[in-house]
Amino acid sequence: MRRFAPFCFLSLLMLASTSILAATMAWALDYGGDSIKSQRFFHDSRTLRIIESDLGPLLKRRDFDGFRGVPYDVHIADARYVWSSSCKAHDCPYNRGFLWLDTQSGASIAAHFAITFPRRSGLELDEFHELKIGGSAKLFGELPAPGLRALRQWLEEICYPTSGDAPRVEPAPIERPWMERTDGFAYRCLPLNIANCHGWLIRNGMAATDWSP
């Protein structure tokens, strides 16, 4: 039997949209402290609108199953921060969603993780891992510590080292080697500069072979 290494795809989308005003998020505080209320959090149309706004074009129809399935408790801190997660019923490890809100500033983070098996051929099986993270803040670095801590705890449930040291995760820089080779001309493209620094780099600690000709 041949085995294929899982394909990992990380989509990071940071949106600068401020269409969700903080004043309209106070309703989320009502879902805390009650497990019955928590079950309805991801079925609230306002919650779904925030998720759709944060993940935008990355969100697929089937991704909503990860948010509207088996809910976990809604957590509230400092009478301001709200976060919770959910997973698809009977498919929890493979379709999961997360949402964090700052009801005062209007900042939010939505994340979705899925494992799919796009090809099946006898005993050969390819896994496709996909993690999508989006938010209304311009950069994750601008988010307060409670938001980053809640996201980190959720990520540790799905992304963890299986051997050796964990890969280093750091904010993506604006610089790119190929852009440097244009004598700086490529940096005149503002959308490209914005795209470069809106996301993360996952540093591989293992040696790699350059297959370039």
N, C-alpha and C. Protein backbone atom coordinates (compact mmCIF):
# COMPACT_ATOMS: atom_id res chain seq x y z
N MET A 1 0.85 -1.20 0.00
CA MET A 1 0.00 0.00 0.00
C MET A 1 0.88 1.25 0.00
N ARG A 2 0.60 2.13 -0.90
CA ARG A 2 1.34 3.38 -0.96
C ARG A 2 0.64 4.40 -0.08
N ARG A 3 1.42 5.19 0.60
CA ARG A 3 0.85 6.22 1.46
C ARG A 3 1.28 7.59 0.95
N PHE A 4 0.37 8.51 1.01
CA PHE A 4 0.64 9.86 0.57
C PHE A 4 0.66 10.78 1.77
N ALA A 5 1.64 11.66 1.78
CA ALA A 5 1.70 12.64 2.86
C ALA A 5 0.54 13.60 2.74
N PRO A 6 -0.04 14.02 3.86
CA PRO A 6 -1.18 14.94 3.80
C PRO A 6 -0.79 16.25 3.14
N PHE A 7 -1.68 16.79 2.37
CA PHE A 7 -1.50 18.10 1.79
C PHE A 7 -2.02 19.13 2.79
N CYS A 8 -1.24 20.13 3.03
CA CYS A 8 -1.66 21.16 3.98
C CYS A 8 -1.80 22.48 3.24
N PHE A 9 -2.90 23.09 3.44
CA PHE A 9 -3.14 24.37 2.80
C PHE A 9 -3.61 25.36 3.85
N LEU A 10 -2.89 26.44 3.97
CA LEU A 10 -3.22 27.45 4.98
C LEU A 10 -3.66 28.71 4.28
N SER A 11 -4.90 29.07 4.49
CA SER A 11 -5.43 30.29 3.90
C SER A 11 -5.64 31.30 5.02
N LEU A 12 -4.98 32.41 4.90
CA LEU A 12 -5.10 33.46 5.91
C LEU A 12 -5.64 34.70 5.24
N LEU A 13 -6.76 35.13 5.69
CA LEU A 13 -7.38 36.29 5.08
C LEU A 13 -7.64 37.32 6.16
N MET A 14 -7.00 38.46 6.03
CA MET A 14 -7.19 39.53 6.99
C MET A 14 -7.94 40.66 6.30
N LEU A 15 -9.15 40.89 6.70
CA LEU A 15 -9.98 41.89 6.06
C LEU A 15 -10.03 43.14 6.92
N ALA A 16 -10.00 44.29 6.28
CA ALA A 16 -10.02 45.55 7.01
C ALA A 16 -11.44 46.10 7.15
N SER A 17 -12.41 45.29 6.89
CA SER A 17 -13.80 45.75 6.93
C SER A 17 -14.21 46.15 8.33
N THR A 18 -14.90 47.26 8.45
CA THR A 18 -15.40 47.71 9.74
C THR A 18 -16.92 47.82 9.69
N SER A 19 -17.53 47.02 8.83
CA SER A 19 -18.98 47.11 8.65
C SER A 19 -19.73 46.59 9.88
N ILE A 20 -19.09 45.71 10.67
CA ILE A 20 -19.72 45.22 11.89
C ILE A 20 -19.36 46.17 13.02
N LEU A 21 -20.26 47.01 13.42
CA LEU A 21 -19.99 48.00 14.46
C LEU A 21 -20.03 47.36 15.84
N ALA A 22 -19.20 47.89 16.74
CA ALA A 22 -19.14 47.35 18.09
C ALA A 22 -20.48 47.44 18.79
N ALA A 23 -21.21 48.50 18.52
CA ALA A 23 -22.50 48.70 19.21
C ALA A 23 -23.47 47.58 18.90
N THR A 24 -23.30 46.92 17.77
CA THR A 24 -24.24 45.87 17.39
C THR A 24 -23.81 44.51 17.91
N MET A 25 -22.72 44.42 18.65
CA MET A 25 -22.22 43.14 19.13
C MET A 25 -22.59 42.85 20.59
N ALA A 26 -23.21 43.78 21.28
CA ALA A 26 -23.52 43.58 22.69
C ALA A 26 -24.42 42.37 22.90
N TRP A 27 -25.21 42.02 21.93
CA TRP A 27 -26.11 40.87 22.05
C TRP A 27 -25.35 39.57 22.34
N ALA A 28 -24.09 39.48 21.88
CA ALA A 28 -23.32 38.25 22.06
C ALA A 28 -23.05 37.95 23.53
N LEU A 29 -23.05 38.98 24.38
CA LEU A 29 -22.80 38.78 25.81
C LEU A 29 -23.91 37.98 26.47
N ASP A 30 -25.09 37.98 25.88
CA ASP A 30 -26.23 37.27 26.47
C ASP A 30 -26.10 35.76 26.36
N TYR A 31 -25.16 35.27 25.56
CA TYR A 31 -25.03 33.83 25.36
C TYR A 31 -24.11 33.17 26.37
N GLY A 32 -23.45 33.92 27.20
CA GLY A 32 -22.50 33.33 28.14
C GLY A 32 -23.16 32.81 29.40
N GLY A 33 -22.47 31.84 30.05
CA GLY A 33 -22.89 31.36 31.35
C GLY A 33 -24.06 30.40 31.35
N ASP A 34 -24.49 29.95 30.20
CA ASP A 34 -25.65 29.06 30.12
C ASP A 34 -25.42 28.10 28.96
N SER A 35 -25.31 26.81 29.25
CA SER A 35 -25.02 25.83 28.19
C SER A 35 -26.15 25.74 27.18
N ILE A 36 -27.38 25.99 27.63
CA ILE A 36 -28.51 25.95 26.70
C ILE A 36 -28.42 27.11 25.72
N LYS A 37 -28.12 28.31 26.24
CA LYS A 37 -27.96 29.46 25.36
C LYS A 37 -26.79 29.26 24.41
N SER A 38 -25.71 28.65 24.92
CA SER A 38 -24.52 28.44 24.10
C SER A 38 -24.83 27.64 22.84
N GLN A 39 -25.78 26.71 22.94
CA GLN A 39 -26.11 25.88 21.79
C GLN A 39 -26.76 26.68 20.66
N ARG A 40 -27.30 27.86 21.01
CA ARG A 40 -27.97 28.67 19.99
C ARG A 40 -27.08 29.76 19.41
N PHE A 41 -25.88 29.91 19.95
CA PHE A 41 -25.00 31.01 19.55
C PHE A 41 -24.69 30.97 18.05
N PHE A 42 -24.27 29.81 17.55
CA PHE A 42 -23.88 29.70 16.15
C PHE A 42 -25.07 29.58 15.20
N HIS A 43 -26.27 29.53 15.75
CA HIS A 43 -27.46 29.53 14.91
C HIS A 43 -28.07 30.92 14.82
N ASP A 44 -27.49 31.86 15.55
CA ASP A 44 -27.96 33.24 15.48
C ASP A 44 -27.52 33.85 14.14
N SER A 45 -28.43 34.45 13.42
CA SER A 45 -28.10 35.01 12.11
C SER A 45 -27.02 36.08 12.20
N ARG A 46 -26.95 36.78 13.33
CA ARG A 46 -25.92 37.81 13.51
C ARG A 46 -24.54 37.18 13.63
N THR A 47 -24.45 36.04 14.31
CA THR A 47 -23.18 35.31 14.41
C THR A 47 -22.73 34.86 13.03
N LEU A 48 -23.64 34.32 12.25
CA LEU A 48 -23.30 33.82 10.92
C LEU A 48 -22.87 34.95 9.99
N ARG A 49 -23.47 36.13 10.17
CA ARG A 49 -23.07 37.27 9.33
C ARG A 49 -21.64 37.70 9.64
N ILE A 50 -21.25 37.65 10.91
CA ILE A 50 -19.88 38.01 11.29
C ILE A 50 -18.90 37.00 10.69
N ILE A 51 -19.23 35.72 10.79
CA ILE A 51 -18.36 34.68 10.23
C ILE A 51 -18.20 34.87 8.73
N GLU A 52 -19.30 35.14 8.06
CA GLU A 52 -19.25 35.34 6.61
C GLU A 52 -18.45 36.58 6.25
N SER A 53 -18.57 37.63 7.06
CA SER A 53 -17.82 38.85 6.80
C SER A 53 -16.32 38.64 7.01
N ASP A 54 -15.95 37.87 8.04
CA ASP A 54 -14.54 37.66 8.36
C ASP A 54 -13.84 36.74 7.35
N LEU A 55 -14.50 35.67 6.97
CA LEU A 55 -13.87 34.70 6.07
C LEU A 55 -14.12 35.00 4.60
N GLY A 56 -15.15 35.77 4.32
CA GLY A 56 -15.38 36.26 2.97
C GLY A 56 -15.35 35.17 1.91
N PRO A 57 -14.59 35.39 0.83
CA PRO A 57 -14.58 34.45 -0.29
C PRO A 57 -13.97 33.10 0.04
N LEU A 58 -13.27 33.00 1.18
CA LEU A 58 -12.69 31.70 1.55
C LEU A 58 -13.75 30.72 2.04
N LEU A 59 -14.89 31.25 2.47
CA LEU A 59 -15.91 30.42 3.08
C LEU A 59 -16.71 29.66 2.02
N LYS A 60 -16.81 28.36 2.21
CA LYS A 60 -17.61 27.51 1.32
C LYS A 60 -18.89 27.11 2.04
N ARG A 61 -19.88 26.72 1.26
CA ARG A 61 -21.17 26.38 1.85
C ARG A 61 -21.05 25.29 2.90
N ARG A 62 -20.23 24.26 2.61
CA ARG A 62 -20.11 23.16 3.55
C ARG A 62 -19.38 23.56 4.83
N ASP A 63 -18.63 24.67 4.79
CA ASP A 63 -17.90 25.11 5.98
C ASP A 63 -18.84 25.51 7.11
N PHE A 64 -20.04 25.97 6.77
CA PHE A 64 -20.99 26.37 7.80
C PHE A 64 -21.38 25.19 8.69
N ASP A 65 -21.24 23.96 8.19
CA ASP A 65 -21.56 22.79 9.02
C ASP A 65 -20.65 22.72 10.23
N GLY A 66 -19.42 23.24 10.10
CA GLY A 66 -18.49 23.23 11.21
C GLY A 66 -18.85 24.23 12.30
N PHE A 67 -19.66 25.22 11.95
CA PHE A 67 -20.09 26.21 12.93
C PHE A 67 -21.46 25.88 13.54
N ARG A 68 -22.29 25.17 12.78
CA ARG A 68 -23.67 24.95 13.24
C ARG A 68 -23.90 23.51 13.69
N GLY A 69 -22.82 22.82 14.05
CA GLY A 69 -22.95 21.44 14.48
C GLY A 69 -23.02 21.29 15.99
N VAL A 70 -22.00 20.65 16.56
CA VAL A 70 -21.94 20.42 18.00
C VAL A 70 -21.26 21.61 18.66
N PRO A 71 -21.98 22.43 19.43
CA PRO A 71 -21.39 23.65 20.00
C PRO A 71 -20.70 23.40 21.34
N TYR A 72 -19.69 24.19 21.60
CA TYR A 72 -19.05 24.22 22.91
C TYR A 72 -19.57 25.46 23.64
N ASP A 73 -19.22 25.58 24.92
CA ASP A 73 -19.71 26.70 25.70
C ASP A 73 -19.23 28.03 25.12
N VAL A 74 -20.05 29.05 25.31
CA VAL A 74 -19.66 30.41 24.96
C VAL A 74 -18.95 31.01 26.16
N HIS A 75 -17.72 31.46 25.95
CA HIS A 75 -16.91 32.03 27.04
C HIS A 75 -16.96 33.56 26.97
N ILE A 76 -16.98 34.19 28.13
CA ILE A 76 -16.99 35.65 28.21
C ILE A 76 -15.94 36.09 29.23
N ALA A 77 -15.17 37.09 28.87
CA ALA A 77 -14.14 37.62 29.77
C ALA A 77 -14.24 39.14 29.81
N ASP A 78 -14.09 39.70 31.00
CA ASP A 78 -14.07 41.15 31.21
C ASP A 78 -15.35 41.83 30.69
N ALA A 79 -16.45 41.08 30.68
CA ALA A 79 -17.72 41.61 30.19
C ALA A 79 -17.56 42.28 28.82
N ARG A 80 -16.67 41.71 28.02
CA ARG A 80 -16.34 42.33 26.74
C ARG A 80 -16.03 41.31 25.66
N TYR A 81 -15.16 40.34 25.96
CA TYR A 81 -14.70 39.38 24.97
C TYR A 81 -15.58 38.13 24.97
N VAL A 82 -15.94 37.67 23.79
CA VAL A 82 -16.81 36.50 23.63
C VAL A 82 -16.16 35.55 22.63
N TRP A 83 -16.08 34.27 22.96
CA TRP A 83 -15.56 33.31 22.00
C TRP A 83 -16.18 31.93 22.23
N SER A 84 -16.23 31.17 21.16
CA SER A 84 -16.76 29.81 21.23
C SER A 84 -16.31 29.05 19.98
N SER A 85 -16.55 27.76 20.00
CA SER A 85 -16.19 26.92 18.85
C SER A 85 -17.26 25.85 18.68
N SER A 86 -17.22 25.19 17.55
CA SER A 86 -18.20 24.17 17.24
C SER A 86 -17.58 23.20 16.23
N CYS A 87 -18.29 22.11 15.98
CA CYS A 87 -17.83 21.15 14.98
C CYS A 87 -19.03 20.45 14.37
N LYS A 88 -18.83 19.90 13.19
CA LYS A 88 -19.91 19.24 12.48
C LYS A 88 -20.31 17.96 13.20
N ALA A 89 -21.59 17.75 13.37
CA ALA A 89 -22.09 16.56 14.05
C ALA A 89 -21.62 15.29 13.32
N HIS A 90 -21.13 14.32 14.10
CA HIS A 90 -20.65 13.03 13.60
C HIS A 90 -19.42 13.17 12.71
N ASP A 91 -18.82 14.35 12.70
CA ASP A 91 -17.63 14.57 11.87
C ASP A 91 -16.71 15.58 12.56
N CYS A 92 -16.69 15.53 13.88
CA CYS A 92 -16.03 16.58 14.66
C CYS A 92 -14.55 16.80 14.32
N PRO A 93 -13.75 15.77 14.18
CA PRO A 93 -12.32 16.05 13.92
C PRO A 93 -12.05 16.67 12.56
N TYR A 94 -13.03 16.59 11.64
CA TYR A 94 -12.76 16.96 10.26
C TYR A 94 -13.43 18.26 9.80
N ASN A 95 -14.24 18.86 10.64
CA ASN A 95 -14.93 20.09 10.23
C ASN A 95 -15.23 20.89 11.49
N ARG A 96 -14.41 21.93 11.75
CA ARG A 96 -14.50 22.66 13.01
C ARG A 96 -14.48 24.17 12.75
N GLY A 97 -15.20 24.92 13.60
CA GLY A 97 -15.24 26.37 13.47
C GLY A 97 -14.96 27.06 14.78
N PHE A 98 -14.50 28.31 14.69
CA PHE A 98 -14.15 29.10 15.88
C PHE A 98 -14.50 30.56 15.62
N LEU A 99 -14.98 31.26 16.66
CA LEU A 99 -15.28 32.68 16.53
C LEU A 99 -14.94 33.39 17.83
N TRP A 100 -14.27 34.53 17.71
CA TRP A 100 -13.93 35.39 18.84
C TRP A 100 -14.37 36.81 18.53
N LEU A 101 -14.98 37.48 19.53
CA LEU A 101 -15.49 38.83 19.34
C LEU A 101 -15.01 39.76 20.46
N ASP A 102 -14.76 40.99 20.10
CA ASP A 102 -14.56 42.06 21.07
C ASP A 102 -15.78 42.97 20.92
N THR A 103 -16.71 42.88 21.86
CA THR A 103 -17.97 43.59 21.72
C THR A 103 -17.84 45.10 21.87
N GLN A 104 -16.68 45.56 22.34
CA GLN A 104 -16.49 47.01 22.49
C GLN A 104 -15.84 47.64 21.27
N SER A 105 -14.82 46.99 20.73
CA SER A 105 -14.12 47.55 19.58
C SER A 105 -14.71 47.08 18.25
N GLY A 106 -15.43 45.96 18.28
CA GLY A 106 -15.97 45.40 17.05
C GLY A 106 -15.02 44.47 16.33
N ALA A 107 -13.83 44.22 16.89
CA ALA A 107 -12.87 43.30 16.27
C ALA A 107 -13.36 41.87 16.40
N SER A 108 -13.02 41.05 15.43
CA SER A 108 -13.45 39.65 15.46
C SER A 108 -12.46 38.77 14.72
N ILE A 109 -12.45 37.50 15.09
CA ILE A 109 -11.66 36.49 14.39
C ILE A 109 -12.57 35.29 14.14
N ALA A 110 -12.61 34.84 12.91
CA ALA A 110 -13.32 33.61 12.58
C ALA A 110 -12.31 32.64 11.98
N ALA A 111 -12.43 31.38 12.31
CA ALA A 111 -11.50 30.38 11.79
C ALA A 111 -12.26 29.10 11.48
N HIS A 112 -11.79 28.39 10.47
CA HIS A 112 -12.41 27.12 10.10
C HIS A 112 -11.31 26.13 9.72
N PHE A 113 -11.45 24.90 10.20
CA PHE A 113 -10.48 23.85 9.89
C PHE A 113 -11.23 22.65 9.33
N ALA A 114 -10.70 22.08 8.26
CA ALA A 114 -11.35 20.92 7.65
C ALA A 114 -10.31 19.95 7.11
N ILE A 115 -10.63 18.68 7.20
CA ILE A 115 -9.85 17.62 6.57
C ILE A 115 -10.75 16.93 5.57
N THR A 116 -10.34 16.91 4.33
CA THR A 116 -11.14 16.26 3.29
C THR A 116 -10.29 15.23 2.58
N PHE A 117 -10.96 14.36 1.87
CA PHE A 117 -10.29 13.29 1.13
C PHE A 117 -10.75 13.39 -0.32
N PRO A 118 -10.10 14.25 -1.09
CA PRO A 118 -10.59 14.53 -2.44
C PRO A 118 -10.50 13.38 -3.42
N ARG A 119 -9.59 12.44 -3.19
CA ARG A 119 -9.44 11.33 -4.14
C ARG A 119 -9.43 10.00 -3.39
N ARG A 120 -10.16 9.07 -3.90
CA ARG A 120 -10.17 7.73 -3.34
C ARG A 120 -9.88 6.73 -4.47
N SER A 121 -8.86 5.93 -4.27
CA SER A 121 -8.49 4.96 -5.30
C SER A 121 -7.95 3.71 -4.60
N GLY A 122 -8.81 2.74 -4.41
CA GLY A 122 -8.39 1.54 -3.72
C GLY A 122 -7.96 1.86 -2.30
N LEU A 123 -6.76 1.45 -1.95
CA LEU A 123 -6.23 1.70 -0.61
C LEU A 123 -5.42 2.99 -0.55
N GLU A 124 -5.28 3.66 -1.66
CA GLU A 124 -4.54 4.90 -1.68
C GLU A 124 -5.46 6.04 -1.27
N LEU A 125 -4.97 6.89 -0.39
CA LEU A 125 -5.83 7.94 0.14
C LEU A 125 -5.01 9.21 0.35
N ASP A 126 -5.50 10.31 -0.20
CA ASP A 126 -4.87 11.61 0.00
C ASP A 126 -5.69 12.43 0.98
N GLU A 127 -5.04 13.02 1.95
CA GLU A 127 -5.71 13.92 2.89
C GLU A 127 -5.40 15.36 2.49
N PHE A 128 -6.38 16.21 2.63
CA PHE A 128 -6.20 17.63 2.35
C PHE A 128 -6.61 18.40 3.59
N HIS A 129 -5.64 19.04 4.23
CA HIS A 129 -5.89 19.80 5.45
C HIS A 129 -5.99 21.28 5.08
N GLU A 130 -7.04 21.94 5.54
CA GLU A 130 -7.25 23.33 5.18
C GLU A 130 -7.63 24.14 6.41
N LEU A 131 -6.87 25.18 6.67
CA LEU A 131 -7.13 26.08 7.80
C LEU A 131 -7.35 27.48 7.25
N LYS A 132 -8.49 28.06 7.59
CA LYS A 132 -8.82 29.42 7.14
C LYS A 132 -9.00 30.30 8.37
N ILE A 133 -8.36 31.45 8.34
CA ILE A 133 -8.48 32.41 9.45
C ILE A 133 -8.70 33.79 8.86
N GLY A 134 -9.70 34.48 9.36
CA GLY A 134 -9.98 35.83 8.89
C GLY A 134 -10.43 36.70 10.04
N GLY A 135 -10.37 38.01 9.85
CA GLY A 135 -10.80 38.89 10.92
C GLY A 135 -11.04 40.29 10.43
N SER A 136 -11.77 41.06 11.21
CA SER A 136 -12.08 42.43 10.84
C SER A 136 -10.94 43.39 11.20
N ALA A 137 -9.96 42.91 11.98
CA ALA A 137 -8.80 43.74 12.29
C ALA A 137 -7.84 43.71 11.11
N LYS A 138 -7.01 44.74 10.97
CA LYS A 138 -6.09 44.81 9.85
C LYS A 138 -4.98 43.78 9.99
N LEU A 139 -4.52 43.56 11.20
CA LEU A 139 -3.44 42.61 11.44
C LEU A 139 -3.70 41.89 12.75
N PHE A 140 -3.30 40.62 12.84
CA PHE A 140 -3.46 39.90 14.09
C PHE A 140 -2.68 40.57 15.21
N GLY A 141 -1.57 41.21 14.88
CA GLY A 141 -0.76 41.86 15.89
C GLY A 141 -1.49 42.98 16.61
N GLU A 142 -2.58 43.49 16.02
CA GLU A 142 -3.33 44.56 16.64
C GLU A 142 -4.38 44.04 17.62
N LEU A 143 -4.59 42.74 17.64
CA LEU A 143 -5.60 42.18 18.50
C LEU A 143 -5.09 42.08 19.93
N PRO A 144 -5.97 42.24 20.92
CA PRO A 144 -5.55 42.15 22.32
C PRO A 144 -5.19 40.72 22.69
N ALA A 145 -4.48 40.58 23.78
CA ALA A 145 -4.01 39.28 24.22
C ALA A 145 -5.13 38.25 24.39
N PRO A 146 -6.30 38.63 24.93
CA PRO A 146 -7.35 37.61 25.08
C PRO A 146 -7.76 36.95 23.77
N GLY A 147 -7.79 37.72 22.69
CA GLY A 147 -8.16 37.16 21.40
C GLY A 147 -7.13 36.19 20.88
N LEU A 148 -5.86 36.56 20.97
CA LEU A 148 -4.79 35.68 20.51
C LEU A 148 -4.72 34.42 21.37
N ARG A 149 -4.96 34.59 22.68
CA ARG A 149 -4.91 33.43 23.58
C ARG A 149 -6.03 32.44 23.26
N ALA A 150 -7.23 32.95 23.02
CA ALA A 150 -8.36 32.07 22.69
C ALA A 150 -8.12 31.35 21.38
N LEU A 151 -7.59 32.07 20.37
CA LEU A 151 -7.30 31.44 19.08
C LEU A 151 -6.21 30.40 19.22
N ARG A 152 -5.18 30.71 19.99
CA ARG A 152 -4.08 29.76 20.18
C ARG A 152 -4.59 28.46 20.82
N GLN A 153 -5.45 28.59 21.83
CA GLN A 153 -5.98 27.40 22.50
C GLN A 153 -6.78 26.54 21.52
N TRP A 154 -7.55 27.19 20.65
CA TRP A 154 -8.32 26.42 19.67
C TRP A 154 -7.40 25.76 18.66
N LEU A 155 -6.38 26.48 18.22
CA LEU A 155 -5.45 25.92 17.23
C LEU A 155 -4.68 24.73 17.80
N GLU A 156 -4.40 24.76 19.10
CA GLU A 156 -3.64 23.66 19.70
C GLU A 156 -4.43 22.36 19.68
N GLU A 157 -5.75 22.45 19.50
CA GLU A 157 -6.56 21.24 19.42
C GLU A 157 -6.46 20.58 18.05
N ILE A 158 -6.08 21.35 17.03
CA ILE A 158 -6.06 20.81 15.67
C ILE A 158 -4.68 20.85 15.03
N CYS A 159 -3.80 21.72 15.50
CA CYS A 159 -2.45 21.86 14.92
C CYS A 159 -1.44 21.70 16.05
N TYR A 160 -0.76 20.60 16.07
CA TYR A 160 0.18 20.34 17.14
C TYR A 160 1.34 19.51 16.59
N PRO A 161 2.53 19.66 17.18
CA PRO A 161 3.68 18.91 16.68
C PRO A 161 3.55 17.44 17.02
N THR A 162 3.93 16.60 16.09
CA THR A 162 3.92 15.15 16.33
C THR A 162 5.30 14.63 16.67
N SER A 163 6.33 15.44 16.45
CA SER A 163 7.69 15.04 16.79
C SER A 163 8.58 16.28 16.79
N GLY A 164 9.59 16.26 17.64
CA GLY A 164 10.54 17.37 17.67
C GLY A 164 9.90 18.68 18.12
N ASP A 165 10.49 19.78 17.70
CA ASP A 165 10.01 21.09 18.08
C ASP A 165 8.89 21.55 17.16
N ALA A 166 8.00 22.35 17.69
CA ALA A 166 6.91 22.90 16.88
C ALA A 166 7.48 23.90 15.88
N PRO A 167 6.90 23.98 14.69
CA PRO A 167 7.38 24.97 13.71
C PRO A 167 7.15 26.38 14.22
N ARG A 168 8.05 27.27 13.87
CA ARG A 168 7.94 28.66 14.33
C ARG A 168 6.94 29.42 13.45
N VAL A 169 6.00 30.09 14.08
CA VAL A 169 5.00 30.88 13.37
C VAL A 169 5.28 32.34 13.63
N GLU A 170 5.35 33.13 12.55
CA GLU A 170 5.66 34.55 12.71
C GLU A 170 4.90 35.37 11.67
N PRO A 171 4.66 36.64 11.96
CA PRO A 171 3.94 37.49 10.99
C PRO A 171 4.71 37.57 9.68
N ALA A 172 3.99 37.53 8.58
CA ALA A 172 4.62 37.60 7.27
C ALA A 172 5.20 39.00 7.04
N PRO A 173 6.44 39.10 6.55
CA PRO A 173 7.04 40.41 6.26
C PRO A 173 6.59 40.94 4.91
N ILE A 174 6.81 42.20 4.70
CA ILE A 174 6.48 42.80 3.41
C ILE A 174 7.50 42.42 2.34
N GLU A 175 8.73 42.09 2.75
CA GLU A 175 9.79 41.80 1.79
C GLU A 175 9.66 40.40 1.21
N ARG A 176 10.03 40.26 -0.06
CA ARG A 176 10.12 38.96 -0.72
C ARG A 176 11.39 38.96 -1.58
N PRO A 177 12.13 37.83 -1.57
CA PRO A 177 13.37 37.77 -2.34
C PRO A 177 13.19 38.13 -3.81
N TRP A 178 12.13 37.62 -4.43
CA TRP A 178 11.94 37.90 -5.86
C TRP A 178 11.65 39.37 -6.10
N MET A 179 11.04 40.04 -5.12
CA MET A 179 10.76 41.47 -5.26
C MET A 179 12.05 42.28 -5.12
N GLU A 180 12.95 41.78 -4.29
CA GLU A 180 14.24 42.45 -4.13
C GLU A 180 15.02 42.42 -5.43
N ARG A 181 14.86 41.33 -6.20
CA ARG A 181 15.61 41.19 -7.44
C ARG A 181 15.11 42.11 -8.54
N THR A 182 14.03 42.83 -8.31
CA THR A 182 13.52 43.79 -9.30
C THR A 182 14.03 45.20 -9.01
N ASP A 183 15.05 45.29 -8.15
CA ASP A 183 15.61 46.59 -7.75
C ASP A 183 14.55 47.48 -7.08
N GLY A 184 13.63 46.81 -6.38
CA GLY A 184 12.61 47.55 -5.64
C GLY A 184 11.40 47.96 -6.46
N PHE A 185 11.42 47.70 -7.76
CA PHE A 185 10.30 48.13 -8.61
C PHE A 185 8.99 47.45 -8.20
N ALA A 186 9.07 46.17 -7.79
CA ALA A 186 7.85 45.43 -7.44
C ALA A 186 7.15 46.03 -6.22
N TYR A 187 7.91 46.72 -5.37
CA TYR A 187 7.30 47.30 -4.16
C TYR A 187 6.43 48.51 -4.47
N ARG A 188 6.40 48.94 -5.71
CA ARG A 188 5.52 50.05 -6.07
C ARG A 188 4.07 49.61 -6.16
N CYS A 189 3.84 48.31 -6.14
CA CYS A 189 2.48 47.78 -6.21
C CYS A 189 1.92 47.68 -4.79
N LEU A 190 1.07 48.63 -4.41
CA LEU A 190 0.53 48.67 -3.06
C LEU A 190 -0.28 47.43 -2.70
N PRO A 191 -1.18 46.93 -3.57
CA PRO A 191 -1.93 45.71 -3.20
C PRO A 191 -1.02 44.53 -2.91
N LEU A 192 0.07 44.43 -3.65
CA LEU A 192 1.00 43.32 -3.42
C LEU A 192 1.68 43.47 -2.07
N ASN A 193 2.06 44.68 -1.71
CA ASN A 193 2.66 44.91 -0.39
C ASN A 193 1.70 44.55 0.73
N ILE A 194 0.43 44.93 0.55
CA ILE A 194 -0.58 44.62 1.57
C ILE A 194 -0.77 43.12 1.70
N ALA A 195 -0.83 42.44 0.55
CA ALA A 195 -1.01 40.99 0.57
C ALA A 195 0.16 40.29 1.25
N ASN A 196 1.36 40.79 1.03
CA ASN A 196 2.56 40.17 1.62
C ASN A 196 2.49 40.13 3.14
N CYS A 197 2.07 41.23 3.76
CA CYS A 197 2.17 41.34 5.22
C CYS A 197 0.86 40.99 5.93
N HIS A 198 -0.16 40.57 5.19
CA HIS A 198 -1.41 40.14 5.82
C HIS A 198 -1.44 38.62 5.88
N GLY A 199 -0.83 38.07 6.90
CA GLY A 199 -0.81 36.62 7.04
C GLY A 199 0.34 36.18 7.93
N TRP A 200 0.63 34.91 7.89
CA TRP A 200 1.65 34.32 8.75
C TRP A 200 2.61 33.47 7.91
N LEU A 201 3.80 33.26 8.45
CA LEU A 201 4.76 32.32 7.88
C LEU A 201 4.94 31.18 8.87
N ILE A 202 4.91 29.96 8.37
CA ILE A 202 5.20 28.79 9.20
C ILE A 202 6.57 28.29 8.79
N ARG A 203 7.54 28.51 9.64
CA ARG A 203 8.92 28.16 9.33
C ARG A 203 9.16 26.67 9.50
N ASN A 204 9.72 26.08 8.46
CA ASN A 204 10.04 24.66 8.50
C ASN A 204 11.43 24.49 9.13
N GLY A 205 11.48 23.75 10.23
CA GLY A 205 12.75 23.55 10.91
C GLY A 205 13.59 22.43 10.34
N MET A 206 13.08 21.74 9.31
CA MET A 206 13.78 20.62 8.72
C MET A 206 14.51 21.06 7.46
N ALA A 207 15.58 20.37 7.14
CA ALA A 207 16.33 20.66 5.93
C ALA A 207 15.48 20.31 4.71
N ALA A 208 15.62 21.09 3.66
CA ALA A 208 14.83 20.87 2.44
C ALA A 208 15.76 20.90 1.24
N THR A 209 15.38 20.22 0.19
CA THR A 209 16.14 20.18 -1.06
C THR A 209 15.54 21.15 -2.05
N ASP A 210 16.38 21.92 -2.69
CA ASP A 210 15.92 22.86 -3.71
C ASP A 210 15.81 22.11 -5.03
N TRP A 211 14.57 22.02 -5.56
CA TRP A 211 14.34 21.29 -6.79
C TRP A 211 14.35 22.21 -8.01
N SER A 212 14.75 23.44 -7.79
CA SER A 212 14.77 24.38 -8.92
C SER A 212 15.82 23.93 -9.94
N PRO A 213 15.53 24.09 -11.23
CA PRO A 213 16.51 23.67 -12.26
C PRO A 213 17.73 24.55 -12.23
